[in-house]
Amino acid sequence: MASSGKAMLVMLVVIMASLGSTKAAVYQVGDSNGWTFNYNYDTWAFFKNFQVGDILVFNYNPQLHNVRQVDIIDYNSCTHNNPLARYNSGSDSVALETPADYYFLSGVPGDCAAGLKFHIRIEATTPVTPTTPSNNPEFPDHFPSSPTNKPNETLKHHPFATELLVRGTTGTHIDADVSTTKSKVFPNPLKR
């Protein structure tokens, strides 16, 4: 009987821990401005940490605006020929259910061109487990701690070297497709 009580307690702790870590955040698009003109929604979205399960709330005057969830083609051309979803109530909630790129715009003529649109990317929350790099020269176990005047051969051929150098020298992150930079030579940001 005591062992079943302990098992129930362990299961309860596991359930409570998982519930605490999956709490969704609710974001009002544009904060107190809502969904309207004269606001930079890309900047607003840049400073948020969106996760799977979060909810976007669009508050707007439905006689003036609406919300369309679209694909990248419609987003870039400010059209909504094939919207993925249509929202018209003036207080619409959109659940971010999967890791993906989400594109939103107003379908009222002229609104999108006037800036009533934004894009967010939701990354997968499960970290990818790296493979053990010990016997692979492309993934060395360590990197040198100080820069040299000559480009380091280990870093030069490491597929993530560009991003490592950028993060290490500026403290910022640049979202780039590393596959397109693999064969390019970049100037050493530490040299002046």
N, C-alpha and C. Protein backbone atom coordinates (compact mmCIF):
# COMPACT_ATOMS: atom_id res chain seq x y z
N MET A 1 0.82 -1.20 0.00
CA MET A 1 0.00 0.00 0.00
C MET A 1 0.86 1.26 0.00
N ALA A 2 1.95 1.24 0.77
CA ALA A 2 2.83 2.40 0.84
C ALA A 2 3.50 2.66 -0.50
N SER A 3 3.85 1.60 -1.22
CA SER A 3 4.51 1.79 -2.51
C SER A 3 3.56 2.40 -3.54
N SER A 4 2.29 2.08 -3.49
CA SER A 4 1.35 2.69 -4.44
C SER A 4 1.14 4.16 -4.10
N GLY A 5 1.23 4.52 -2.84
CA GLY A 5 1.14 5.93 -2.44
C GLY A 5 2.33 6.72 -2.96
N LYS A 6 3.53 6.12 -2.88
CA LYS A 6 4.73 6.78 -3.39
C LYS A 6 4.65 6.93 -4.91
N ALA A 7 4.15 5.90 -5.57
CA ALA A 7 4.01 5.96 -7.03
C ALA A 7 3.05 7.07 -7.43
N MET A 8 1.94 7.21 -6.69
CA MET A 8 0.98 8.28 -6.98
C MET A 8 1.61 9.65 -6.75
N LEU A 9 2.41 9.76 -5.68
CA LEU A 9 3.06 11.03 -5.39
C LEU A 9 4.04 11.40 -6.50
N VAL A 10 4.83 10.42 -6.95
CA VAL A 10 5.78 10.66 -8.03
C VAL A 10 5.04 11.08 -9.29
N MET A 11 3.95 10.39 -9.61
CA MET A 11 3.18 10.72 -10.80
C MET A 11 2.58 12.12 -10.68
N LEU A 12 2.11 12.50 -9.51
CA LEU A 12 1.54 13.83 -9.30
C LEU A 12 2.61 14.90 -9.50
N VAL A 13 3.81 14.67 -8.97
CA VAL A 13 4.91 15.62 -9.13
C VAL A 13 5.27 15.78 -10.61
N VAL A 14 5.33 14.67 -11.34
CA VAL A 14 5.66 14.72 -12.76
C VAL A 14 4.59 15.50 -13.52
N ILE A 15 3.33 15.26 -13.23
CA ILE A 15 2.23 15.96 -13.91
C ILE A 15 2.29 17.45 -13.60
N MET A 16 2.51 17.80 -12.34
CA MET A 16 2.56 19.21 -11.96
C MET A 16 3.74 19.92 -12.62
N ALA A 17 4.88 19.23 -12.70
CA ALA A 17 6.06 19.83 -13.33
C ALA A 17 5.81 20.07 -14.81
N SER A 18 5.16 19.12 -15.47
CA SER A 18 4.91 19.28 -16.90
C SER A 18 3.87 20.37 -17.16
N LEU A 19 2.91 20.53 -16.28
CA LEU A 19 1.92 21.58 -16.45
C LEU A 19 2.55 22.95 -16.28
N GLY A 20 3.44 23.08 -15.34
CA GLY A 20 4.10 24.36 -15.10
C GLY A 20 4.98 24.78 -16.25
N SER A 21 5.55 23.84 -16.96
CA SER A 21 6.48 24.19 -18.03
C SER A 21 5.78 24.40 -19.37
N THR A 22 4.50 24.13 -19.46
CA THR A 22 3.80 24.28 -20.73
C THR A 22 2.78 25.41 -20.70
N LYS A 23 2.90 26.32 -19.75
CA LYS A 23 1.96 27.42 -19.64
C LYS A 23 2.10 28.34 -20.85
N ALA A 24 1.00 28.56 -21.53
CA ALA A 24 1.01 29.40 -22.73
C ALA A 24 0.96 30.86 -22.34
N ALA A 25 1.60 31.69 -23.13
CA ALA A 25 1.53 33.13 -22.94
C ALA A 25 0.50 33.69 -23.91
N VAL A 26 -0.13 34.77 -23.50
CA VAL A 26 -1.10 35.45 -24.35
C VAL A 26 -0.51 36.82 -24.69
N TYR A 27 -0.40 37.10 -25.98
CA TYR A 27 0.17 38.36 -26.45
C TYR A 27 -0.89 39.16 -27.19
N GLN A 28 -1.12 40.40 -26.75
CA GLN A 28 -1.98 41.29 -27.51
C GLN A 28 -1.12 41.92 -28.59
N VAL A 29 -1.46 41.67 -29.83
CA VAL A 29 -0.68 42.17 -30.96
C VAL A 29 -0.67 43.70 -30.91
N GLY A 30 0.54 44.27 -30.89
CA GLY A 30 0.69 45.71 -30.80
C GLY A 30 0.52 46.26 -29.40
N ASP A 31 0.46 45.38 -28.41
CA ASP A 31 0.25 45.77 -27.01
C ASP A 31 -0.96 46.69 -26.91
N SER A 32 -0.84 47.83 -26.23
CA SER A 32 -2.01 48.69 -26.02
C SER A 32 -2.47 49.39 -27.30
N ASN A 33 -1.64 49.42 -28.33
CA ASN A 33 -2.04 50.02 -29.61
C ASN A 33 -3.04 49.16 -30.37
N GLY A 34 -2.97 47.86 -30.17
CA GLY A 34 -3.83 46.96 -30.92
C GLY A 34 -3.37 46.82 -32.36
N TRP A 35 -4.28 46.38 -33.20
CA TRP A 35 -4.01 46.12 -34.63
C TRP A 35 -4.52 47.33 -35.39
N THR A 36 -3.63 48.27 -35.70
CA THR A 36 -4.02 49.52 -36.33
C THR A 36 -2.85 50.12 -37.10
N PHE A 37 -3.03 51.29 -37.66
CA PHE A 37 -1.97 51.96 -38.42
C PHE A 37 -0.91 52.57 -37.50
N ASN A 38 0.19 53.00 -38.14
CA ASN A 38 1.26 53.74 -37.47
C ASN A 38 1.91 52.98 -36.31
N TYR A 39 2.16 51.71 -36.54
CA TYR A 39 2.84 50.90 -35.52
C TYR A 39 3.71 49.88 -36.24
N ASN A 40 4.92 49.66 -35.75
CA ASN A 40 5.83 48.71 -36.39
C ASN A 40 5.67 47.34 -35.73
N TYR A 41 4.90 46.48 -36.34
CA TYR A 41 4.61 45.16 -35.77
C TYR A 41 5.80 44.21 -35.84
N ASP A 42 6.67 44.39 -36.83
CA ASP A 42 7.87 43.55 -36.88
C ASP A 42 8.77 43.84 -35.68
N THR A 43 8.92 45.11 -35.32
CA THR A 43 9.70 45.46 -34.13
C THR A 43 9.02 44.92 -32.89
N TRP A 44 7.71 45.06 -32.81
CA TRP A 44 6.97 44.53 -31.66
C TRP A 44 7.23 43.03 -31.52
N ALA A 45 7.13 42.29 -32.60
CA ALA A 45 7.31 40.84 -32.56
C ALA A 45 8.75 40.46 -32.24
N PHE A 46 9.71 41.26 -32.70
CA PHE A 46 11.13 40.95 -32.49
C PHE A 46 11.46 40.85 -31.00
N PHE A 47 10.83 41.64 -30.17
CA PHE A 47 11.14 41.66 -28.74
C PHE A 47 10.29 40.69 -27.92
N LYS A 48 9.55 39.84 -28.56
CA LYS A 48 8.76 38.82 -27.86
C LYS A 48 9.43 37.47 -28.01
N ASN A 49 9.14 36.57 -27.10
CA ASN A 49 9.69 35.21 -27.14
C ASN A 49 8.53 34.24 -27.34
N PHE A 50 8.06 34.14 -28.56
CA PHE A 50 6.91 33.29 -28.86
C PHE A 50 7.29 31.82 -28.78
N GLN A 51 6.38 31.01 -28.25
CA GLN A 51 6.58 29.57 -28.11
C GLN A 51 5.34 28.85 -28.63
N VAL A 52 5.51 27.58 -28.94
CA VAL A 52 4.36 26.75 -29.32
C VAL A 52 3.36 26.78 -28.16
N GLY A 53 2.09 26.97 -28.47
CA GLY A 53 1.05 27.02 -27.45
C GLY A 53 0.65 28.43 -27.07
N ASP A 54 1.45 29.44 -27.43
CA ASP A 54 1.10 30.82 -27.13
C ASP A 54 -0.11 31.24 -27.95
N ILE A 55 -0.72 32.34 -27.53
CA ILE A 55 -1.92 32.84 -28.20
C ILE A 55 -1.71 34.31 -28.55
N LEU A 56 -2.00 34.66 -29.80
CA LEU A 56 -2.00 36.05 -30.24
C LEU A 56 -3.43 36.56 -30.19
N VAL A 57 -3.62 37.75 -29.63
CA VAL A 57 -4.94 38.38 -29.61
C VAL A 57 -4.86 39.65 -30.45
N PHE A 58 -5.69 39.70 -31.47
CA PHE A 58 -5.77 40.87 -32.34
C PHE A 58 -6.98 41.69 -31.92
N ASN A 59 -6.75 42.91 -31.43
CA ASN A 59 -7.84 43.82 -31.08
C ASN A 59 -7.84 44.97 -32.08
N TYR A 60 -8.99 45.20 -32.71
CA TYR A 60 -9.09 46.22 -33.75
C TYR A 60 -10.54 46.57 -34.00
N ASN A 61 -10.77 47.65 -34.71
CA ASN A 61 -12.11 48.04 -35.11
C ASN A 61 -12.47 47.22 -36.35
N PRO A 62 -13.45 46.31 -36.27
CA PRO A 62 -13.78 45.45 -37.41
C PRO A 62 -14.39 46.20 -38.60
N GLN A 63 -14.81 47.45 -38.39
CA GLN A 63 -15.30 48.24 -39.52
C GLN A 63 -14.15 48.84 -40.33
N LEU A 64 -12.93 48.83 -39.74
CA LEU A 64 -11.78 49.42 -40.42
C LEU A 64 -10.74 48.40 -40.87
N HIS A 65 -10.60 47.30 -40.12
CA HIS A 65 -9.53 46.34 -40.38
C HIS A 65 -10.05 44.91 -40.23
N ASN A 66 -9.21 43.96 -40.61
CA ASN A 66 -9.45 42.55 -40.35
C ASN A 66 -8.08 41.89 -40.24
N VAL A 67 -8.06 40.58 -40.07
CA VAL A 67 -6.80 39.85 -39.98
C VAL A 67 -6.89 38.65 -40.92
N ARG A 68 -5.84 38.46 -41.69
CA ARG A 68 -5.72 37.28 -42.55
C ARG A 68 -4.40 36.61 -42.23
N GLN A 69 -4.47 35.31 -42.00
CA GLN A 69 -3.24 34.53 -41.88
C GLN A 69 -2.96 33.99 -43.28
N VAL A 70 -1.75 34.28 -43.78
CA VAL A 70 -1.42 33.96 -45.17
C VAL A 70 -0.09 33.22 -45.25
N ASP A 71 0.25 32.79 -46.47
CA ASP A 71 1.56 32.18 -46.68
C ASP A 71 2.56 33.28 -47.06
N ILE A 72 3.81 32.89 -47.21
CA ILE A 72 4.88 33.87 -47.47
C ILE A 72 4.67 34.61 -48.80
N ILE A 73 4.11 33.94 -49.78
CA ILE A 73 3.90 34.58 -51.09
C ILE A 73 2.89 35.72 -50.97
N ASP A 74 1.75 35.45 -50.35
CA ASP A 74 0.75 36.50 -50.16
C ASP A 74 1.28 37.59 -49.24
N TYR A 75 2.04 37.20 -48.22
CA TYR A 75 2.61 38.18 -47.29
C TYR A 75 3.54 39.15 -48.03
N ASN A 76 4.45 38.61 -48.82
CA ASN A 76 5.42 39.45 -49.52
C ASN A 76 4.77 40.34 -50.58
N SER A 77 3.66 39.90 -51.14
CA SER A 77 2.99 40.69 -52.17
C SER A 77 1.80 41.49 -51.62
N CYS A 78 1.58 41.41 -50.31
CA CYS A 78 0.45 42.12 -49.67
C CYS A 78 -0.88 41.76 -50.31
N THR A 79 -1.06 40.48 -50.59
CA THR A 79 -2.35 40.00 -51.10
C THR A 79 -2.87 38.94 -50.14
N HIS A 80 -4.10 38.59 -50.33
CA HIS A 80 -4.69 37.52 -49.51
C HIS A 80 -5.60 36.67 -50.39
N ASN A 81 -5.04 36.23 -51.51
CA ASN A 81 -5.81 35.42 -52.46
C ASN A 81 -6.22 34.08 -51.88
N ASN A 82 -5.36 33.47 -51.11
CA ASN A 82 -5.64 32.16 -50.51
C ASN A 82 -5.32 32.18 -49.02
N PRO A 83 -6.07 32.93 -48.22
CA PRO A 83 -5.73 33.00 -46.80
C PRO A 83 -5.86 31.64 -46.12
N LEU A 84 -4.95 31.39 -45.18
CA LEU A 84 -5.02 30.17 -44.39
C LEU A 84 -6.11 30.28 -43.34
N ALA A 85 -6.38 31.52 -42.90
CA ALA A 85 -7.45 31.77 -41.92
C ALA A 85 -7.91 33.22 -42.07
N ARG A 86 -9.20 33.46 -41.76
CA ARG A 86 -9.79 34.79 -41.82
C ARG A 86 -10.35 35.13 -40.44
N TYR A 87 -10.07 36.35 -40.00
CA TYR A 87 -10.58 36.82 -38.71
C TYR A 87 -11.21 38.19 -38.93
N ASN A 88 -12.43 38.36 -38.40
CA ASN A 88 -13.18 39.58 -38.65
C ASN A 88 -13.87 40.16 -37.43
N SER A 89 -13.74 39.57 -36.26
CA SER A 89 -14.56 39.95 -35.11
C SER A 89 -14.12 41.24 -34.43
N GLY A 90 -12.85 41.61 -34.56
CA GLY A 90 -12.33 42.77 -33.84
C GLY A 90 -11.62 42.38 -32.56
N SER A 91 -11.79 41.14 -32.15
CA SER A 91 -11.08 40.60 -30.98
C SER A 91 -10.85 39.12 -31.25
N ASP A 92 -9.81 38.84 -32.03
CA ASP A 92 -9.57 37.47 -32.49
C ASP A 92 -8.36 36.87 -31.79
N SER A 93 -8.51 35.61 -31.38
CA SER A 93 -7.42 34.87 -30.75
C SER A 93 -6.91 33.82 -31.71
N VAL A 94 -5.58 33.78 -31.87
CA VAL A 94 -4.95 32.83 -32.77
C VAL A 94 -3.94 32.02 -31.97
N ALA A 95 -4.16 30.71 -31.90
CA ALA A 95 -3.24 29.83 -31.19
C ALA A 95 -2.07 29.45 -32.10
N LEU A 96 -0.87 29.55 -31.56
CA LEU A 96 0.34 29.17 -32.30
C LEU A 96 0.62 27.72 -31.94
N GLU A 97 0.05 26.80 -32.70
CA GLU A 97 0.01 25.39 -32.31
C GLU A 97 1.22 24.57 -32.70
N THR A 98 1.97 25.01 -33.71
CA THR A 98 3.11 24.20 -34.17
C THR A 98 4.30 25.11 -34.46
N PRO A 99 5.51 24.54 -34.43
CA PRO A 99 6.67 25.33 -34.86
C PRO A 99 6.51 25.65 -36.35
N ALA A 100 6.55 26.92 -36.69
CA ALA A 100 6.34 27.32 -38.08
C ALA A 100 6.59 28.82 -38.22
N ASP A 101 6.55 29.28 -39.46
CA ASP A 101 6.51 30.71 -39.74
C ASP A 101 5.05 31.09 -39.87
N TYR A 102 4.66 32.16 -39.18
CA TYR A 102 3.29 32.64 -39.22
C TYR A 102 3.30 34.03 -39.84
N TYR A 103 2.42 34.25 -40.82
CA TYR A 103 2.34 35.52 -41.54
C TYR A 103 0.93 36.07 -41.39
N PHE A 104 0.82 37.33 -40.95
CA PHE A 104 -0.47 37.96 -40.76
C PHE A 104 -0.48 39.31 -41.47
N LEU A 105 -1.65 39.67 -42.00
CA LEU A 105 -1.84 40.98 -42.60
C LEU A 105 -3.31 41.35 -42.54
N SER A 106 -3.59 42.63 -42.74
CA SER A 106 -4.97 43.07 -42.86
C SER A 106 -5.36 42.93 -44.32
N GLY A 107 -6.54 42.38 -44.56
CA GLY A 107 -7.02 42.17 -45.91
C GLY A 107 -7.77 43.36 -46.48
N VAL A 108 -7.91 44.43 -45.71
CA VAL A 108 -8.59 45.63 -46.21
C VAL A 108 -7.65 46.33 -47.20
N PRO A 109 -8.15 46.70 -48.39
CA PRO A 109 -7.28 47.33 -49.39
C PRO A 109 -6.49 48.51 -48.80
N GLY A 110 -5.18 48.49 -49.04
CA GLY A 110 -4.31 49.56 -48.57
C GLY A 110 -3.70 49.34 -47.20
N ASP A 111 -4.33 48.52 -46.36
CA ASP A 111 -3.83 48.32 -44.99
C ASP A 111 -2.44 47.68 -44.97
N CYS A 112 -2.26 46.62 -45.71
CA CYS A 112 -0.98 45.90 -45.71
C CYS A 112 0.14 46.80 -46.23
N ALA A 113 -0.12 47.50 -47.32
CA ALA A 113 0.90 48.40 -47.88
C ALA A 113 1.24 49.52 -46.90
N ALA A 114 0.31 49.85 -46.01
CA ALA A 114 0.55 50.89 -45.00
C ALA A 114 1.23 50.32 -43.75
N GLY A 115 1.55 49.02 -43.78
CA GLY A 115 2.31 48.43 -42.67
C GLY A 115 1.54 47.52 -41.74
N LEU A 116 0.29 47.27 -42.04
CA LEU A 116 -0.52 46.43 -41.16
C LEU A 116 -0.29 44.96 -41.50
N LYS A 117 0.91 44.49 -41.14
CA LYS A 117 1.29 43.10 -41.36
C LYS A 117 2.48 42.77 -40.46
N PHE A 118 2.67 41.48 -40.16
CA PHE A 118 3.89 41.05 -39.48
C PHE A 118 4.06 39.55 -39.60
N HIS A 119 5.29 39.13 -39.34
CA HIS A 119 5.71 37.73 -39.45
C HIS A 119 6.38 37.33 -38.15
N ILE A 120 6.11 36.11 -37.69
CA ILE A 120 6.85 35.56 -36.56
C ILE A 120 7.25 34.13 -36.89
N ARG A 121 8.32 33.69 -36.26
CA ARG A 121 8.79 32.31 -36.41
C ARG A 121 8.75 31.65 -35.04
N ILE A 122 8.09 30.50 -34.98
CA ILE A 122 8.05 29.72 -33.75
C ILE A 122 9.00 28.55 -33.94
N GLU A 123 10.02 28.49 -33.11
CA GLU A 123 11.01 27.41 -33.18
C GLU A 123 10.50 26.22 -32.39
N ALA A 124 10.97 25.03 -32.74
CA ALA A 124 10.68 23.83 -31.96
C ALA A 124 11.31 24.01 -30.59
N THR A 125 10.60 23.61 -29.55
CA THR A 125 11.12 23.79 -28.19
C THR A 125 11.98 22.64 -27.73
N THR A 126 11.94 21.52 -28.43
CA THR A 126 12.76 20.37 -28.06
C THR A 126 14.14 20.55 -28.65
N PRO A 127 15.18 20.63 -27.79
CA PRO A 127 16.52 20.81 -28.35
C PRO A 127 16.98 19.58 -29.10
N VAL A 128 17.76 19.81 -30.13
CA VAL A 128 18.33 18.72 -30.91
C VAL A 128 19.57 18.22 -30.19
N THR A 129 19.67 16.92 -29.99
CA THR A 129 20.83 16.35 -29.32
C THR A 129 21.96 16.22 -30.34
N PRO A 130 23.10 16.89 -30.08
CA PRO A 130 24.20 16.81 -31.04
C PRO A 130 24.88 15.45 -30.99
N THR A 131 25.47 15.07 -32.10
CA THR A 131 26.23 13.83 -32.13
C THR A 131 27.58 14.07 -31.48
N THR A 132 28.21 13.02 -31.01
CA THR A 132 29.52 13.15 -30.37
C THR A 132 30.55 13.51 -31.43
N PRO A 133 31.23 14.63 -31.26
CA PRO A 133 32.14 15.09 -32.30
C PRO A 133 33.58 14.61 -32.17
N SER A 134 33.91 13.81 -31.17
CA SER A 134 35.30 13.54 -30.83
C SER A 134 36.15 12.99 -31.97
N ASN A 135 35.62 12.17 -32.85
CA ASN A 135 36.43 11.59 -33.92
C ASN A 135 36.18 12.22 -35.28
N ASN A 136 35.51 13.33 -35.30
CA ASN A 136 35.18 13.98 -36.56
C ASN A 136 35.94 15.31 -36.64
N PRO A 137 36.87 15.48 -37.60
CA PRO A 137 37.64 16.72 -37.69
C PRO A 137 36.79 17.95 -38.00
N GLU A 138 35.59 17.76 -38.57
CA GLU A 138 34.73 18.91 -38.84
C GLU A 138 34.09 19.45 -37.57
N PHE A 139 34.06 18.64 -36.51
CA PHE A 139 33.49 19.03 -35.23
C PHE A 139 34.52 18.82 -34.13
N PRO A 140 35.49 19.70 -33.99
CA PRO A 140 36.53 19.49 -32.98
C PRO A 140 35.96 19.57 -31.57
N ASP A 141 36.67 18.92 -30.62
CA ASP A 141 36.23 18.93 -29.23
C ASP A 141 36.39 20.30 -28.59
N HIS A 142 37.28 21.10 -29.07
CA HIS A 142 37.50 22.42 -28.48
C HIS A 142 37.97 23.39 -29.57
N PHE A 143 37.83 24.66 -29.24
CA PHE A 143 38.28 25.71 -30.12
C PHE A 143 39.35 26.51 -29.40
N PRO A 144 40.27 27.13 -30.11
CA PRO A 144 41.30 27.92 -29.45
C PRO A 144 40.67 29.07 -28.69
N SER A 145 41.29 29.46 -27.58
CA SER A 145 40.71 30.50 -26.74
C SER A 145 41.08 31.90 -27.19
N SER A 146 42.11 32.06 -27.99
CA SER A 146 42.48 33.40 -28.43
C SER A 146 42.65 33.43 -29.95
N PRO A 147 42.29 34.55 -30.57
CA PRO A 147 42.43 34.65 -32.01
C PRO A 147 43.89 34.81 -32.41
N THR A 148 44.20 34.43 -33.63
CA THR A 148 45.54 34.61 -34.17
C THR A 148 45.46 35.49 -35.40
N ASN A 149 46.59 35.89 -35.91
CA ASN A 149 46.59 36.73 -37.11
C ASN A 149 46.18 35.96 -38.35
N LYS A 150 46.47 34.66 -38.37
CA LYS A 150 46.08 33.83 -39.51
C LYS A 150 44.74 33.17 -39.19
N PRO A 151 43.85 33.02 -40.17
CA PRO A 151 42.59 32.32 -39.91
C PRO A 151 42.86 30.92 -39.39
N ASN A 152 42.16 30.56 -38.34
CA ASN A 152 42.34 29.24 -37.75
C ASN A 152 41.74 28.18 -38.66
N GLU A 153 42.52 27.19 -39.01
CA GLU A 153 42.05 26.15 -39.94
C GLU A 153 40.86 25.39 -39.37
N THR A 154 40.84 25.17 -38.05
CA THR A 154 39.73 24.43 -37.45
C THR A 154 38.43 25.22 -37.63
N LEU A 155 38.47 26.50 -37.31
CA LEU A 155 37.27 27.32 -37.45
C LEU A 155 36.89 27.54 -38.91
N LYS A 156 37.89 27.68 -39.77
CA LYS A 156 37.62 27.94 -41.19
C LYS A 156 36.75 26.85 -41.81
N HIS A 157 36.93 25.61 -41.39
CA HIS A 157 36.19 24.51 -41.98
C HIS A 157 35.04 24.03 -41.13
N HIS A 158 34.82 24.62 -39.98
CA HIS A 158 33.72 24.22 -39.12
C HIS A 158 32.43 24.81 -39.67
N PRO A 159 31.37 24.00 -39.84
CA PRO A 159 30.16 24.50 -40.49
C PRO A 159 29.47 25.62 -39.72
N PHE A 160 29.73 25.75 -38.42
CA PHE A 160 29.07 26.79 -37.64
C PHE A 160 30.03 27.91 -37.26
N ALA A 161 31.20 27.96 -37.83
CA ALA A 161 32.22 28.93 -37.44
C ALA A 161 31.76 30.37 -37.62
N THR A 162 31.04 30.66 -38.68
CA THR A 162 30.60 32.03 -38.91
C THR A 162 29.72 32.51 -37.78
N GLU A 163 28.76 31.68 -37.39
CA GLU A 163 27.88 32.08 -36.31
C GLU A 163 28.62 32.15 -34.99
N LEU A 164 29.56 31.24 -34.74
CA LEU A 164 30.34 31.28 -33.50
C LEU A 164 31.15 32.55 -33.41
N LEU A 165 31.77 32.96 -34.50
CA LEU A 165 32.56 34.19 -34.49
C LEU A 165 31.68 35.41 -34.27
N VAL A 166 30.53 35.44 -34.93
CA VAL A 166 29.65 36.58 -34.77
C VAL A 166 29.17 36.69 -33.34
N ARG A 167 28.72 35.60 -32.75
CA ARG A 167 28.25 35.64 -31.38
C ARG A 167 29.38 35.99 -30.41
N GLY A 168 30.55 35.42 -30.68
CA GLY A 168 31.65 35.62 -29.76
C GLY A 168 32.21 37.03 -29.77
N THR A 169 32.11 37.75 -30.88
CA THR A 169 32.74 39.06 -30.94
C THR A 169 31.76 40.21 -30.75
N THR A 170 30.51 40.00 -31.03
CA THR A 170 29.57 41.11 -30.91
C THR A 170 28.52 40.89 -29.85
N GLY A 171 28.33 39.67 -29.41
CA GLY A 171 27.32 39.39 -28.40
C GLY A 171 25.92 39.39 -28.97
N THR A 172 25.77 39.44 -30.27
CA THR A 172 24.45 39.43 -30.87
C THR A 172 24.30 38.20 -31.75
N HIS A 173 23.08 37.96 -32.16
CA HIS A 173 22.80 36.80 -33.01
C HIS A 173 22.30 37.31 -34.35
N ILE A 174 22.88 36.78 -35.39
CA ILE A 174 22.42 37.09 -36.74
C ILE A 174 21.81 35.82 -37.31
N ASP A 175 20.55 35.89 -37.70
CA ASP A 175 19.87 34.73 -38.24
C ASP A 175 20.30 34.59 -39.69
N ALA A 176 21.09 33.55 -39.97
CA ALA A 176 21.60 33.37 -41.32
C ALA A 176 21.56 31.90 -41.70
N ASP A 177 21.44 31.66 -42.97
CA ASP A 177 21.51 30.30 -43.48
C ASP A 177 22.98 29.97 -43.68
N VAL A 178 23.54 29.20 -42.76
CA VAL A 178 24.97 28.90 -42.77
C VAL A 178 25.35 28.09 -44.00
N SER A 179 24.44 27.33 -44.56
CA SER A 179 24.78 26.50 -45.71
C SER A 179 25.22 27.35 -46.91
N THR A 180 24.74 28.58 -47.00
CA THR A 180 25.13 29.44 -48.11
C THR A 180 26.48 30.10 -47.88
N THR A 181 27.00 30.03 -46.66
CA THR A 181 28.26 30.68 -46.35
C THR A 181 29.41 29.70 -46.22
N LYS A 182 29.16 28.42 -46.43
CA LYS A 182 30.15 27.39 -46.17
C LYS A 182 31.46 27.60 -46.93
N SER A 183 31.40 28.01 -48.18
CA SER A 183 32.62 28.13 -48.96
C SER A 183 33.12 29.57 -49.05
N LYS A 184 32.48 30.50 -48.38
CA LYS A 184 32.89 31.89 -48.45
C LYS A 184 33.92 32.20 -47.36
N VAL A 185 34.78 33.14 -47.62
CA VAL A 185 35.76 33.60 -46.64
C VAL A 185 35.29 34.96 -46.14
N PHE A 186 35.18 35.08 -44.82
CA PHE A 186 34.73 36.32 -44.21
C PHE A 186 35.91 37.02 -43.55
N PRO A 187 35.90 38.35 -43.54
CA PRO A 187 36.99 39.06 -42.86
C PRO A 187 36.92 38.79 -41.37
N ASN A 188 38.07 38.75 -40.74
CA ASN A 188 38.15 38.53 -39.30
C ASN A 188 37.69 39.79 -38.60
N PRO A 189 36.58 39.75 -37.82
CA PRO A 189 36.07 40.95 -37.17
C PRO A 189 37.00 41.43 -36.06
N LEU A 190 37.96 40.61 -35.64
CA LEU A 190 38.87 41.01 -34.57
C LEU A 190 40.04 41.82 -35.10
N LYS A 191 40.31 41.75 -36.41
CA LYS A 191 41.39 42.53 -37.02
C LYS A 191 40.88 43.93 -37.31
N ARG A 192 41.73 44.89 -37.13
CA ARG A 192 41.31 46.27 -37.44
C ARG A 192 42.27 46.91 -38.36
